[in-house]
Amino acid sequence: MRRKSAERKKRQQAEIDSRRRTIDERTQVHRLNGVWFRVEVAALPAVVMVDEVVDGQPHRRKTAESRFDVVLRRDTSRLINSSDQRLGLYGVREIYAAGKRQLSRQELKAFGLR
């Protein structure tokens, strides 16, 4: 049982490594449509509670500023239901892609990519 679990984790990590590498906490490289990109990631703004009055009654609701994710090509926030997509792409739900650029041949070679 443990061996199967270890093999499954090893296969999952190999699949992730074939499309994503983490350089540091703010930089990752991703293979998108067969092309490698340097992706700058940043933390999404925190969820905050807002007090408001609706029809004379006090209400409290959650809100979070959205940010444009350049890999997903849409706005995202901690409340928008794309956290599983962000987890799959970046390895963490609380970040988004703030910028990206295609890797040069020299960078591909330096990272050991094709």
PDB file of N, CA and C in Angstrom:
ATOM      1  N   MET A   1       0.825  -1.193   0.000  1.00  0.00           N
ATOM      2  CA  MET A   1       0.000   0.000   0.000  1.00  0.00           C
ATOM      3  C   MET A   1       0.870   1.259   0.000  1.00  0.00           C
ATOM      4  N   ARG A   2       1.879   1.309   0.873  1.00  0.00           N
ATOM      5  CA  ARG A   2       2.764   2.466   0.920  1.00  0.00           C
ATOM      6  C   ARG A   2       3.547   2.608  -0.380  1.00  0.00           C
ATOM      7  N   ARG A   3       3.928   1.477  -0.954  1.00  0.00           N
ATOM      8  CA  ARG A   3       4.699   1.511  -2.188  1.00  0.00           C
ATOM      9  C   ARG A   3       3.863   2.101  -3.324  1.00  0.00           C
ATOM     10  N   LYS A   4       2.603   1.717  -3.400  1.00  0.00           N
ATOM     11  CA  LYS A   4       1.719   2.268  -4.436  1.00  0.00           C
ATOM     12  C   LYS A   4       1.537   3.770  -4.244  1.00  0.00           C
ATOM     13  N   SER A   5       1.385   4.178  -3.010  1.00  0.00           N
ATOM     14  CA  SER A   5       1.227   5.598  -2.716  1.00  0.00           C
ATOM     15  C   SER A   5       2.493   6.365  -3.088  1.00  0.00           C
ATOM     16  N   ALA A   6       3.646   5.824  -2.758  1.00  0.00           N
ATOM     17  CA  ALA A   6       4.920   6.465  -3.083  1.00  0.00           C
ATOM     18  C   ALA A   6       5.107   6.552  -4.595  1.00  0.00           C
ATOM     19  N   GLU A   7       4.726   5.486  -5.307  1.00  0.00           N
ATOM     20  CA  GLU A   7       4.844   5.493  -6.771  1.00  0.00           C
ATOM     21  C   GLU A   7       3.902   6.522  -7.384  1.00  0.00           C
ATOM     22  N   ARG A   8       2.698   6.616  -6.854  1.00  0.00           N
ATOM     23  CA  ARG A   8       1.721   7.581  -7.360  1.00  0.00           C
ATOM     24  C   ARG A   8       2.228   9.016  -7.146  1.00  0.00           C
ATOM     25  N   LYS A   9       2.770   9.283  -5.958  1.00  0.00           N
ATOM     26  CA  LYS A   9       3.316  10.616  -5.672  1.00  0.00           C
ATOM     27  C   LYS A   9       4.492  10.931  -6.587  1.00  0.00           C
ATOM     28  N   LYS A  10       5.316   9.941  -6.854  1.00  0.00           N
ATOM     29  CA  LYS A  10       6.464  10.136  -7.737  1.00  0.00           C
ATOM     30  C   LYS A  10       5.997  10.460  -9.158  1.00  0.00           C
ATOM     31  N   ARG A  11       4.975   9.767  -9.650  1.00  0.00           N
ATOM     32  CA  ARG A  11       4.421  10.044 -10.979  1.00  0.00           C
ATOM     33  C   ARG A  11       3.808  11.440 -11.038  1.00  0.00           C
ATOM     34  N   GLN A  12       3.069  11.818  -9.986  1.00  0.00           N
ATOM     35  CA  GLN A  12       2.462  13.150  -9.935  1.00  0.00           C
ATOM     36  C   GLN A  12       3.532  14.229  -9.943  1.00  0.00           C
ATOM     37  N   GLN A  13       4.604  14.046  -9.178  1.00  0.00           N
ATOM     38  CA  GLN A  13       5.676  15.038  -9.143  1.00  0.00           C
ATOM     39  C   GLN A  13       6.383  15.124 -10.493  1.00  0.00           C
ATOM     40  N   ALA A  14       6.565  13.993 -11.167  1.00  0.00           N
ATOM     41  CA  ALA A  14       7.196  14.002 -12.491  1.00  0.00           C
ATOM     42  C   ALA A  14       6.324  14.752 -13.488  1.00  0.00           C
ATOM     43  N   GLU A  15       5.009  14.593 -13.373  1.00  0.00           N
ATOM     44  CA  GLU A  15       4.097  15.313 -14.269  1.00  0.00           C
ATOM     45  C   GLU A  15       4.169  16.810 -14.001  1.00  0.00           C
ATOM     46  N   ILE A  16       4.215  17.203 -12.733  1.00  0.00           N
ATOM     47  CA  ILE A  16       4.335  18.622 -12.374  1.00  0.00           C
ATOM     48  C   ILE A  16       5.664  19.175 -12.879  1.00  0.00           C
ATOM     49  N   ASP A  17       6.756  18.440 -12.680  1.00  0.00           N
ATOM     50  CA  ASP A  17       8.077  18.888 -13.124  1.00  0.00           C
ATOM     51  C   ASP A  17       8.155  19.039 -14.640  1.00  0.00           C
ATOM     52  N   SER A  18       7.314  18.303 -15.368  1.00  0.00           N
ATOM     53  CA  SER A  18       7.332  18.411 -16.827  1.00  0.00           C
ATOM     54  C   SER A  18       6.688  19.701 -17.317  1.00  0.00           C
ATOM     55  N   ARG A  19       5.965  20.407 -16.421  1.00  0.00           N
ATOM     56  CA  ARG A  19       5.287  21.643 -16.835  1.00  0.00           C
ATOM     57  C   ARG A  19       5.535  22.841 -15.928  1.00  0.00           C
ATOM     58  N   ARG A  20       6.135  22.631 -14.735  1.00  0.00           N
ATOM     59  CA  ARG A  20       6.351  23.749 -13.817  1.00  0.00           C
ATOM     60  C   ARG A  20       7.599  23.521 -12.976  1.00  0.00           C
ATOM     61  N   ARG A  21       8.378  24.596 -12.793  1.00  0.00           N
ATOM     62  CA  ARG A  21       9.522  24.576 -11.888  1.00  0.00           C
ATOM     63  C   ARG A  21       9.459  25.838 -11.041  1.00  0.00           C
ATOM     64  N   THR A  22       9.756  25.709  -9.777  1.00  0.00           N
ATOM     65  CA  THR A  22       9.788  26.871  -8.886  1.00  0.00           C
ATOM     66  C   THR A  22      11.231  27.330  -8.753  1.00  0.00           C
ATOM     67  N   ILE A  23      11.465  28.597  -9.088  1.00  0.00           N
ATOM     68  CA  ILE A  23      12.805  29.176  -9.011  1.00  0.00           C
ATOM     69  C   ILE A  23      13.023  29.770  -7.616  1.00  0.00           C
ATOM     70  N   ASP A  24      12.095  30.605  -7.189  1.00  0.00           N
ATOM     71  CA  ASP A  24      12.101  31.161  -5.837  1.00  0.00           C
ATOM     72  C   ASP A  24      10.648  31.480  -5.475  1.00  0.00           C
ATOM     73  N   GLU A  25      10.434  32.120  -4.340  1.00  0.00           N
ATOM     74  CA  GLU A  25       9.049  32.340  -3.885  1.00  0.00           C
ATOM     75  C   GLU A  25       8.256  33.260  -4.796  1.00  0.00           C
ATOM     76  N   ARG A  26       8.913  34.034  -5.642  1.00  0.00           N
ATOM     77  CA  ARG A  26       8.213  34.964  -6.540  1.00  0.00           C
ATOM     78  C   ARG A  26       8.329  34.598  -8.008  1.00  0.00           C
ATOM     79  N   THR A  27       9.105  33.542  -8.327  1.00  0.00           N
ATOM     80  CA  THR A  27       9.353  33.199  -9.721  1.00  0.00           C
ATOM     81  C   THR A  27       9.184  31.708  -9.964  1.00  0.00           C
ATOM     82  N   GLN A  28       8.446  31.401 -11.027  1.00  0.00           N
ATOM     83  CA  GLN A  28       8.290  30.030 -11.480  1.00  0.00           C
ATOM     84  C   GLN A  28       8.506  30.015 -12.982  1.00  0.00           C
ATOM     85  N   VAL A  29       8.828  28.845 -13.544  1.00  0.00           N
ATOM     86  CA  VAL A  29       8.814  28.686 -14.995  1.00  0.00           C
ATOM     87  C   VAL A  29       7.741  27.659 -15.318  1.00  0.00           C
ATOM     88  N   HIS A  30       6.964  27.964 -16.363  1.00  0.00           N
ATOM     89  CA  HIS A  30       5.836  27.121 -16.763  1.00  0.00           C
ATOM     90  C   HIS A  30       5.920  26.798 -18.240  1.00  0.00           C
ATOM     91  N   ARG A  31       5.544  25.578 -18.576  1.00  0.00           N
ATOM     92  CA  ARG A  31       5.375  25.208 -19.984  1.00  0.00           C
ATOM     93  C   ARG A  31       3.902  25.383 -20.309  1.00  0.00           C
ATOM     94  N   LEU A  32       3.626  26.354 -21.165  1.00  0.00           N
ATOM     95  CA  LEU A  32       2.259  26.666 -21.570  1.00  0.00           C
ATOM     96  C   LEU A  32       2.150  26.451 -23.072  1.00  0.00           C
ATOM     97  N   ASN A  33       1.318  25.522 -23.491  1.00  0.00           N
ATOM     98  CA  ASN A  33       1.158  25.191 -24.912  1.00  0.00           C
ATOM     99  C   ASN A  33       2.500  24.862 -25.566  1.00  0.00           C
ATOM    100  N   GLY A  34       3.348  24.154 -24.838  1.00  0.00           N
ATOM    101  CA  GLY A  34       4.624  23.700 -25.367  1.00  0.00           C
ATOM    102  C   GLY A  34       5.752  24.715 -25.323  1.00  0.00           C
ATOM    103  N   VAL A  35       5.502  25.901 -24.789  1.00  0.00           N
ATOM    104  CA  VAL A  35       6.502  26.964 -24.728  1.00  0.00           C
ATOM    105  C   VAL A  35       6.760  27.295 -23.260  1.00  0.00           C
ATOM    106  N   TRP A  36       8.043  27.467 -22.896  1.00  0.00           N
ATOM    107  CA  TRP A  36       8.412  27.767 -21.514  1.00  0.00           C
ATOM    108  C   TRP A  36       8.399  29.275 -21.267  1.00  0.00           C
ATOM    109  N   PHE A  37       7.777  29.672 -20.146  1.00  0.00           N
ATOM    110  CA  PHE A  37       7.673  31.067 -19.746  1.00  0.00           C
ATOM    111  C   PHE A  37       8.186  31.251 -18.324  1.00  0.00           C
ATOM    112  N   ARG A  38       8.768  32.411 -18.078  1.00  0.00           N
ATOM    113  CA  ARG A  38       9.115  32.832 -16.718  1.00  0.00           C
ATOM    114  C   ARG A  38       7.874  33.542 -16.192  1.00  0.00           C
ATOM    115  N   VAL A  39       7.339  33.075 -15.064  1.00  0.00           N
ATOM    116  CA  VAL A  39       6.110  33.622 -14.497  1.00  0.00           C
ATOM    117  C   VAL A  39       6.420  34.239 -13.138  1.00  0.00           C
ATOM    118  N   GLU A  40       6.096  35.516 -13.016  1.00  0.00           N
ATOM    119  CA  GLU A  40       6.259  36.222 -11.737  1.00  0.00           C
ATOM    120  C   GLU A  40       4.937  36.092 -10.988  1.00  0.00           C
ATOM    121  N   VAL A  41       4.986  35.535  -9.781  1.00  0.00           N
ATOM    122  CA  VAL A  41       3.771  35.337  -8.994  1.00  0.00           C
ATOM    123  C   VAL A  41       3.745  36.314  -7.822  1.00  0.00           C
ATOM    124  N   ALA A  42       2.531  36.613  -7.372  1.00  0.00           N
ATOM    125  CA  ALA A  42       2.350  37.518  -6.234  1.00  0.00           C
ATOM    126  C   ALA A  42       1.162  37.024  -5.416  1.00  0.00           C
ATOM    127  N   ALA A  43       1.130  37.427  -4.162  1.00  0.00           N
ATOM    128  CA  ALA A  43       0.041  37.029  -3.266  1.00  0.00           C
ATOM    129  C   ALA A  43      -1.231  37.791  -3.624  1.00  0.00           C
ATOM    130  N   LEU A  44      -2.344  37.089  -3.570  1.00  0.00           N
ATOM    131  CA  LEU A  44      -3.637  37.739  -3.758  1.00  0.00           C
ATOM    132  C   LEU A  44      -3.993  38.529  -2.500  1.00  0.00           C
ATOM    133  N   PRO A  45      -4.692  39.659  -2.666  1.00  0.00           N
ATOM    134  CA  PRO A  45      -5.120  40.429  -1.486  1.00  0.00           C
ATOM    135  C   PRO A  45      -6.001  39.572  -0.568  1.00  0.00           C
ATOM    136  N   ALA A  46      -5.902  39.831   0.706  1.00  0.00           N
ATOM    137  CA  ALA A  46      -6.643  39.072   1.714  1.00  0.00           C
ATOM    138  C   ALA A  46      -8.144  39.343   1.633  1.00  0.00           C
ATOM    139  N   VAL A  47      -8.913  38.407   2.144  1.00  0.00           N
ATOM    140  CA  VAL A  47     -10.364  38.578   2.275  1.00  0.00           C
ATOM    141  C   VAL A  47     -10.620  39.476   3.479  1.00  0.00           C
ATOM    142  N   VAL A  48     -11.499  40.442   3.309  1.00  0.00           N
ATOM    143  CA  VAL A  48     -11.854  41.338   4.413  1.00  0.00           C
ATOM    144  C   VAL A  48     -13.363  41.322   4.611  1.00  0.00           C
ATOM    145  N   MET A  49     -13.762  41.580   5.836  1.00  0.00           N
ATOM    146  CA  MET A  49     -15.189  41.656   6.161  1.00  0.00           C
ATOM    147  C   MET A  49     -15.624  43.116   6.050  1.00  0.00           C
ATOM    148  N   VAL A  50     -16.765  43.336   5.401  1.00  0.00           N
ATOM    149  CA  VAL A  50     -17.294  44.683   5.202  1.00  0.00           C
ATOM    150  C   VAL A  50     -18.671  44.757   5.856  1.00  0.00           C
ATOM    151  N   ASP A  51     -18.858  45.783   6.668  1.00  0.00           N
ATOM    152  CA  ASP A  51     -20.172  46.027   7.262  1.00  0.00           C
ATOM    153  C   ASP A  51     -20.914  47.005   6.374  1.00  0.00           C
ATOM    154  N   GLU A  52     -22.172  46.696   6.091  1.00  0.00           N
ATOM    155  CA  GLU A  52     -22.994  47.582   5.274  1.00  0.00           C
ATOM    156  C   GLU A  52     -24.436  47.507   5.747  1.00  0.00           C
ATOM    157  N   VAL A  53     -25.222  48.477   5.339  1.00  0.00           N
ATOM    158  CA  VAL A  53     -26.634  48.515   5.689  1.00  0.00           C
ATOM    159  C   VAL A  53     -27.438  48.274   4.416  1.00  0.00           C
ATOM    160  N   VAL A  54     -28.282  47.236   4.457  1.00  0.00           N
ATOM    161  CA  VAL A  54     -29.143  46.891   3.328  1.00  0.00           C
ATOM    162  C   VAL A  54     -30.583  46.916   3.822  1.00  0.00           C
ATOM    163  N   ASP A  55     -31.409  47.758   3.205  1.00  0.00           N
ATOM    164  CA  ASP A  55     -32.814  47.921   3.613  1.00  0.00           C
ATOM    165  C   ASP A  55     -32.929  48.223   5.106  1.00  0.00           C
ATOM    166  N   GLY A  56     -32.027  49.049   5.596  1.00  0.00           N
ATOM    167  CA  GLY A  56     -32.061  49.460   6.994  1.00  0.00           C
ATOM    168  C   GLY A  56     -31.520  48.423   7.973  1.00  0.00           C
ATOM    169  N   GLN A  57     -31.070  47.292   7.478  1.00  0.00           N
ATOM    170  CA  GLN A  57     -30.560  46.225   8.338  1.00  0.00           C
ATOM    171  C   GLN A  57     -29.042  46.106   8.164  1.00  0.00           C
ATOM    172  N   PRO A  58     -28.310  45.990   9.267  1.00  0.00           N
ATOM    173  CA  PRO A  58     -26.850  45.820   9.138  1.00  0.00           C
ATOM    174  C   PRO A  58     -26.517  44.413   8.626  1.00  0.00           C
ATOM    175  N   HIS A  59     -25.597  44.356   7.715  1.00  0.00           N
ATOM    176  CA  HIS A  59     -25.127  43.080   7.154  1.00  0.00           C
ATOM    177  C   HIS A  59     -23.610  43.099   7.108  1.00  0.00           C
ATOM    178  N   ARG A  60     -23.059  41.923   7.169  1.00  0.00           N
ATOM    179  CA  ARG A  60     -21.609  41.763   7.080  1.00  0.00           C
ATOM    180  C   ARG A  60     -21.351  40.787   5.930  1.00  0.00           C
ATOM    181  N   ARG A  61     -20.422  41.165   5.069  1.00  0.00           N
ATOM    182  CA  ARG A  61     -20.097  40.277   3.947  1.00  0.00           C
ATOM    183  C   ARG A  61     -18.591  40.256   3.713  1.00  0.00           C
ATOM    184  N   LYS A  62     -18.154  39.194   3.050  1.00  0.00           N
ATOM    185  CA  LYS A  62     -16.738  39.051   2.698  1.00  0.00           C
ATOM    186  C   LYS A  62     -16.492  39.703   1.349  1.00  0.00           C
ATOM    187  N   THR A  63     -15.316  40.288   1.203  1.00  0.00           N
ATOM    188  CA  THR A  63     -14.909  40.838  -0.080  1.00  0.00           C
ATOM    189  C   THR A  63     -13.400  40.694  -0.224  1.00  0.00           C
ATOM    190  N   ALA A  64     -12.956  40.637  -1.461  1.00  0.00           N
ATOM    191  CA  ALA A  64     -11.524  40.548  -1.742  1.00  0.00           C
ATOM    192  C   ALA A  64     -11.266  41.221  -3.082  1.00  0.00           C
ATOM    193  N   GLU A  65     -10.233  42.045  -3.114  1.00  0.00           N
ATOM    194  CA  GLU A  65      -9.859  42.685  -4.369  1.00  0.00           C
ATOM    195  C   GLU A  65      -9.409  41.617  -5.359  1.00  0.00           C
ATOM    196  N   SER A  66      -9.765  41.818  -6.619  1.00  0.00           N
ATOM    197  CA  SER A  66      -9.331  40.879  -7.646  1.00  0.00           C
ATOM    198  C   SER A  66      -8.066  41.396  -8.317  1.00  0.00           C
ATOM    199  N   ARG A  67      -7.360  40.493  -8.946  1.00  0.00           N
ATOM    200  CA  ARG A  67      -6.164  40.808  -9.719  1.00  0.00           C
ATOM    201  C   ARG A  67      -6.264  40.056 -11.042  1.00  0.00           C
ATOM    202  N   PHE A  68      -5.660  40.615 -12.094  1.00  0.00           N
ATOM    203  CA  PHE A  68      -5.662  39.943 -13.389  1.00  0.00           C
ATOM    204  C   PHE A  68      -4.529  38.930 -13.418  1.00  0.00           C
ATOM    205  N   ASP A  69      -4.865  37.669 -13.667  1.00  0.00           N
ATOM    206  CA  ASP A  69      -3.891  36.588 -13.764  1.00  0.00           C
ATOM    207  C   ASP A  69      -3.523  36.435 -15.242  1.00  0.00           C
ATOM    208  N   VAL A  70      -2.245  36.682 -15.571  1.00  0.00           N
ATOM    209  CA  VAL A  70      -1.836  36.672 -16.975  1.00  0.00           C
ATOM    210  C   VAL A  70      -1.773  35.268 -17.570  1.00  0.00           C
ATOM    211  N   VAL A  71      -1.680  34.242 -16.750  1.00  0.00           N
ATOM    212  CA  VAL A  71      -1.692  32.870 -17.266  1.00  0.00           C
ATOM    213  C   VAL A  71      -3.138  32.413 -17.491  1.00  0.00           C
ATOM    214  N   LEU A  72      -4.009  32.659 -16.511  1.00  0.00           N
ATOM    215  CA  LEU A  72      -5.416  32.290 -16.658  1.00  0.00           C
ATOM    216  C   LEU A  72      -6.166  33.230 -17.597  1.00  0.00           C
ATOM    217  N   ARG A  73      -5.606  34.420 -17.804  1.00  0.00           N
ATOM    218  CA  ARG A  73      -6.182  35.456 -18.677  1.00  0.00           C
ATOM    219  C   ARG A  73      -7.546  35.932 -18.193  1.00  0.00           C
ATOM    220  N   ARG A  74      -7.646  36.117 -16.882  1.00  0.00           N
ATOM    221  CA  ARG A  74      -8.892  36.648 -16.310  1.00  0.00           C
ATOM    222  C   ARG A  74      -8.633  37.140 -14.891  1.00  0.00           C
ATOM    223  N   ASP A  75      -9.589  37.911 -14.380  1.00  0.00           N
ATOM    224  CA  ASP A  75      -9.504  38.369 -13.000  1.00  0.00           C
ATOM    225  C   ASP A  75      -9.693  37.187 -12.064  1.00  0.00           C
ATOM    226  N   THR A  76      -8.999  37.248 -10.947  1.00  0.00           N
ATOM    227  CA  THR A  76      -9.125  36.216  -9.928  1.00  0.00           C
ATOM    228  C   THR A  76      -8.963  36.864  -8.558  1.00  0.00           C
ATOM    229  N   SER A  77      -9.499  36.225  -7.547  1.00  0.00           N
ATOM    230  CA  SER A  77      -9.353  36.688  -6.169  1.00  0.00           C
ATOM    231  C   SER A  77      -9.436  35.476  -5.258  1.00  0.00           C
ATOM    232  N   ARG A  78      -9.268  35.710  -3.977  1.00  0.00           N
ATOM    233  CA  ARG A  78      -9.374  34.600  -3.020  1.00  0.00           C
ATOM    234  C   ARG A  78     -10.805  34.084  -2.924  1.00  0.00           C
ATOM    235  N   LEU A  79     -11.779  34.882  -3.383  1.00  0.00           N
ATOM    236  CA  LEU A  79     -13.169  34.447  -3.320  1.00  0.00           C
ATOM    237  C   LEU A  79     -13.679  33.867  -4.630  1.00  0.00           C
ATOM    238  N   ILE A  80     -13.011  34.143  -5.728  1.00  0.00           N
ATOM    239  CA  ILE A  80     -13.439  33.614  -7.022  1.00  0.00           C
ATOM    240  C   ILE A  80     -13.096  32.139  -7.070  1.00  0.00           C
ATOM    241  N   ASN A  81     -14.005  31.359  -7.583  1.00  0.00           N
ATOM    242  CA  ASN A  81     -13.898  29.911  -7.537  1.00  0.00           C
ATOM    243  C   ASN A  81     -12.913  29.360  -8.580  1.00  0.00           C
ATOM    244  N   SER A  82     -11.672  29.811  -8.548  1.00  0.00           N
ATOM    245  CA  SER A  82     -10.633  29.243  -9.410  1.00  0.00           C
ATOM    246  C   SER A  82      -9.434  28.810  -8.572  1.00  0.00           C
ATOM    247  N   SER A  83      -9.658  28.642  -7.262  1.00  0.00           N
ATOM    248  CA  SER A  83      -8.546  28.294  -6.374  1.00  0.00           C
ATOM    249  C   SER A  83      -7.949  26.937  -6.721  1.00  0.00           C
ATOM    250  N   ASP A  84      -8.767  25.976  -7.178  1.00  0.00           N
ATOM    251  CA  ASP A  84      -8.222  24.674  -7.559  1.00  0.00           C
ATOM    252  C   ASP A  84      -7.360  24.799  -8.807  1.00  0.00           C
ATOM    253  N   GLN A  85      -7.761  25.681  -9.727  1.00  0.00           N
ATOM    254  CA  GLN A  85      -6.953  25.928 -10.918  1.00  0.00           C
ATOM    255  C   GLN A  85      -5.619  26.559 -10.534  1.00  0.00           C
ATOM    256  N   ARG A  86      -5.661  27.535  -9.625  1.00  0.00           N
ATOM    257  CA  ARG A  86      -4.420  28.168  -9.166  1.00  0.00           C
ATOM    258  C   ARG A  86      -3.534  27.157  -8.449  1.00  0.00           C
ATOM    259  N   LEU A  87      -4.126  26.280  -7.654  1.00  0.00           N
ATOM    260  CA  LEU A  87      -3.357  25.239  -6.965  1.00  0.00           C
ATOM    261  C   LEU A  87      -2.661  24.338  -7.977  1.00  0.00           C
ATOM    262  N   GLY A  88      -3.375  23.929  -9.008  1.00  0.00           N
ATOM    263  CA  GLY A  88      -2.791  23.073 -10.039  1.00  0.00           C
ATOM    264  C   GLY A  88      -1.695  23.763 -10.829  1.00  0.00           C
ATOM    265  N   LEU A  89      -1.879  25.039 -11.113  1.00  0.00           N
ATOM    266  CA  LEU A  89      -0.893  25.787 -11.893  1.00  0.00           C
ATOM    267  C   LEU A  89       0.326  26.182 -11.081  1.00  0.00           C
ATOM    268  N   TYR A  90       0.108  26.773  -9.906  1.00  0.00           N
ATOM    269  CA  TYR A  90       1.190  27.395  -9.145  1.00  0.00           C
ATOM    270  C   TYR A  90       1.620  26.606  -7.910  1.00  0.00           C
ATOM    271  N   GLY A  91       0.834  25.589  -7.536  1.00  0.00           N
ATOM    272  CA  GLY A  91       1.158  24.806  -6.347  1.00  0.00           C
ATOM    273  C   GLY A  91       0.617  25.412  -5.070  1.00  0.00           C
ATOM    274  N   VAL A  92      -0.004  26.596  -5.171  1.00  0.00           N
ATOM    275  CA  VAL A  92      -0.551  27.322  -4.019  1.00  0.00           C
ATOM    276  C   VAL A  92      -1.820  28.036  -4.478  1.00  0.00           C
ATOM    277  N   ARG A  93      -2.841  28.051  -3.641  1.00  0.00           N
ATOM    278  CA  ARG A  93      -4.103  28.710  -4.001  1.00  0.00           C
ATOM    279  C   ARG A  93      -4.062  30.227  -3.862  1.00  0.00           C
ATOM    280  N   GLU A  94      -3.202  30.752  -3.004  1.00  0.00           N
ATOM    281  CA  GLU A  94      -3.246  32.161  -2.613  1.00  0.00           C
ATOM    282  C   GLU A  94      -2.410  33.083  -3.486  1.00  0.00           C
ATOM    283  N   ILE A  95      -1.908  32.599  -4.620  1.00  0.00           N
ATOM    284  CA  ILE A  95      -1.106  33.453  -5.493  1.00  0.00           C
ATOM    285  C   ILE A  95      -1.703  33.505  -6.895  1.00  0.00           C
ATOM    286  N   TYR A  96      -1.226  34.451  -7.676  1.00  0.00           N
ATOM    287  CA  TYR A  96      -1.651  34.596  -9.065  1.00  0.00           C
ATOM    288  C   TYR A  96      -0.442  34.991  -9.906  1.00  0.00           C
ATOM    289  N   ALA A  97      -0.557  34.865 -11.214  1.00  0.00           N
ATOM    290  CA  ALA A  97       0.526  35.242 -12.117  1.00  0.00           C
ATOM    291  C   ALA A  97       0.404  36.724 -12.449  1.00  0.00           C
ATOM    292  N   ALA A  98       1.353  37.507 -11.949  1.00  0.00           N
ATOM    293  CA  ALA A  98       1.336  38.953 -12.180  1.00  0.00           C
ATOM    294  C   ALA A  98       2.013  39.321 -13.493  1.00  0.00           C
ATOM    295  N   GLY A  99       2.922  38.484 -13.979  1.00  0.00           N
ATOM    296  CA  GLY A  99       3.613  38.764 -15.234  1.00  0.00           C
ATOM    297  C   GLY A  99       4.224  37.501 -15.792  1.00  0.00           C
ATOM    298  N   LYS A 100       4.474  37.518 -17.106  1.00  0.00           N
ATOM    299  CA  LYS A 100       5.134  36.369 -17.724  1.00  0.00           C
ATOM    300  C   LYS A 100       5.860  36.834 -18.977  1.00  0.00           C
ATOM    301  N   ARG A 101       6.923  36.106 -19.305  1.00  0.00           N
ATOM    302  CA  ARG A 101       7.634  36.332 -20.559  1.00  0.00           C
ATOM    303  C   ARG A 101       8.269  35.020 -20.988  1.00  0.00           C
ATOM    304  N   GLN A 102       8.408  34.857 -22.293  1.00  0.00           N
ATOM    305  CA  GLN A 102       8.984  33.637 -22.826  1.00  0.00           C
ATOM    306  C   GLN A 102      10.465  33.564 -22.478  1.00  0.00           C
ATOM    307  N   LEU A 103      10.922  32.354 -22.143  1.00  0.00           N
ATOM    308  CA  LEU A 103      12.336  32.157 -21.811  1.00  0.00           C
ATOM    309  C   LEU A 103      13.199  32.204 -23.071  1.00  0.00           C
ATOM    310  N   SER A 104      14.392  32.753 -22.933  1.00  0.00           N
ATOM    311  CA  SER A 104      15.368  32.778 -24.031  1.00  0.00           C
ATOM    312  C   SER A 104      16.037  31.404 -24.122  1.00  0.00           C
ATOM    313  N   ARG A 105      16.779  31.198 -25.194  1.00  0.00           N
ATOM    314  CA  ARG A 105      17.510  29.933 -25.352  1.00  0.00           C
ATOM    315  C   ARG A 105      18.515  29.745 -24.227  1.00  0.00           C
ATOM    316  N   GLN A 106      19.174  30.828 -23.840  1.00  0.00           N
ATOM    317  CA  GLN A 106      20.155  30.747 -22.746  1.00  0.00           C
ATOM    318  C   GLN A 106      19.477  30.345 -21.441  1.00  0.00           C
ATOM    319  N   GLU A 107      18.311  30.923 -21.173  1.00  0.00           N
ATOM    320  CA  GLU A 107      17.589  30.572 -19.942  1.00  0.00           C
ATOM    321  C   GLU A 107      17.106  29.128 -19.973  1.00  0.00           C
ATOM    322  N   LEU A 108      16.624  28.688 -21.135  1.00  0.00           N
ATOM    323  CA  LEU A 108      16.202  27.294 -21.274  1.00  0.00           C
ATOM    324  C   LEU A 108      17.365  26.363 -20.927  1.00  0.00           C
ATOM    325  N   LYS A 109      18.526  26.675 -21.466  1.00  0.00           N
ATOM    326  CA  LYS A 109      19.713  25.848 -21.209  1.00  0.00           C
ATOM    327  C   LYS A 109      20.097  25.905 -19.728  1.00  0.00           C
ATOM    328  N   ALA A 110      20.051  27.107 -19.134  1.00  0.00           N
ATOM    329  CA  ALA A 110      20.420  27.266 -17.726  1.00  0.00           C
ATOM    330  C   ALA A 110      19.495  26.476 -16.810  1.00  0.00           C
ATOM    331  N   PHE A 111      18.204  26.398 -17.154  1.00  0.00           N
ATOM    332  CA  PHE A 111      17.239  25.651 -16.338  1.00  0.00           C
ATOM    333  C   PHE A 111      17.163  24.176 -16.732  1.00  0.00           C
ATOM    334  N   GLY A 112      17.894  23.766 -17.761  1.00  0.00           N
ATOM    335  CA  GLY A 112      17.875  22.378 -18.205  1.00  0.00           C
ATOM    336  C   GLY A 112      16.568  21.992 -18.873  1.00  0.00           C
ATOM    337  N   LEU A 113      16.002  22.927 -19.634  1.00  0.00           N
ATOM    338  CA  LEU A 113      14.708  22.702 -20.291  1.00  0.00           C
ATOM    339  C   LEU A 113      14.890  22.637 -21.802  1.00  0.00           C
ATOM    340  N   ARG A 114      13.860  22.172 -22.458  1.00  0.00           N
ATOM    341  CA  ARG A 114      13.859  22.105 -23.930  1.00  0.00           C
ATOM    342  C   ARG A 114      12.719  22.896 -24.490  1.00  0.00           C
TER     343      ARG A 114
END
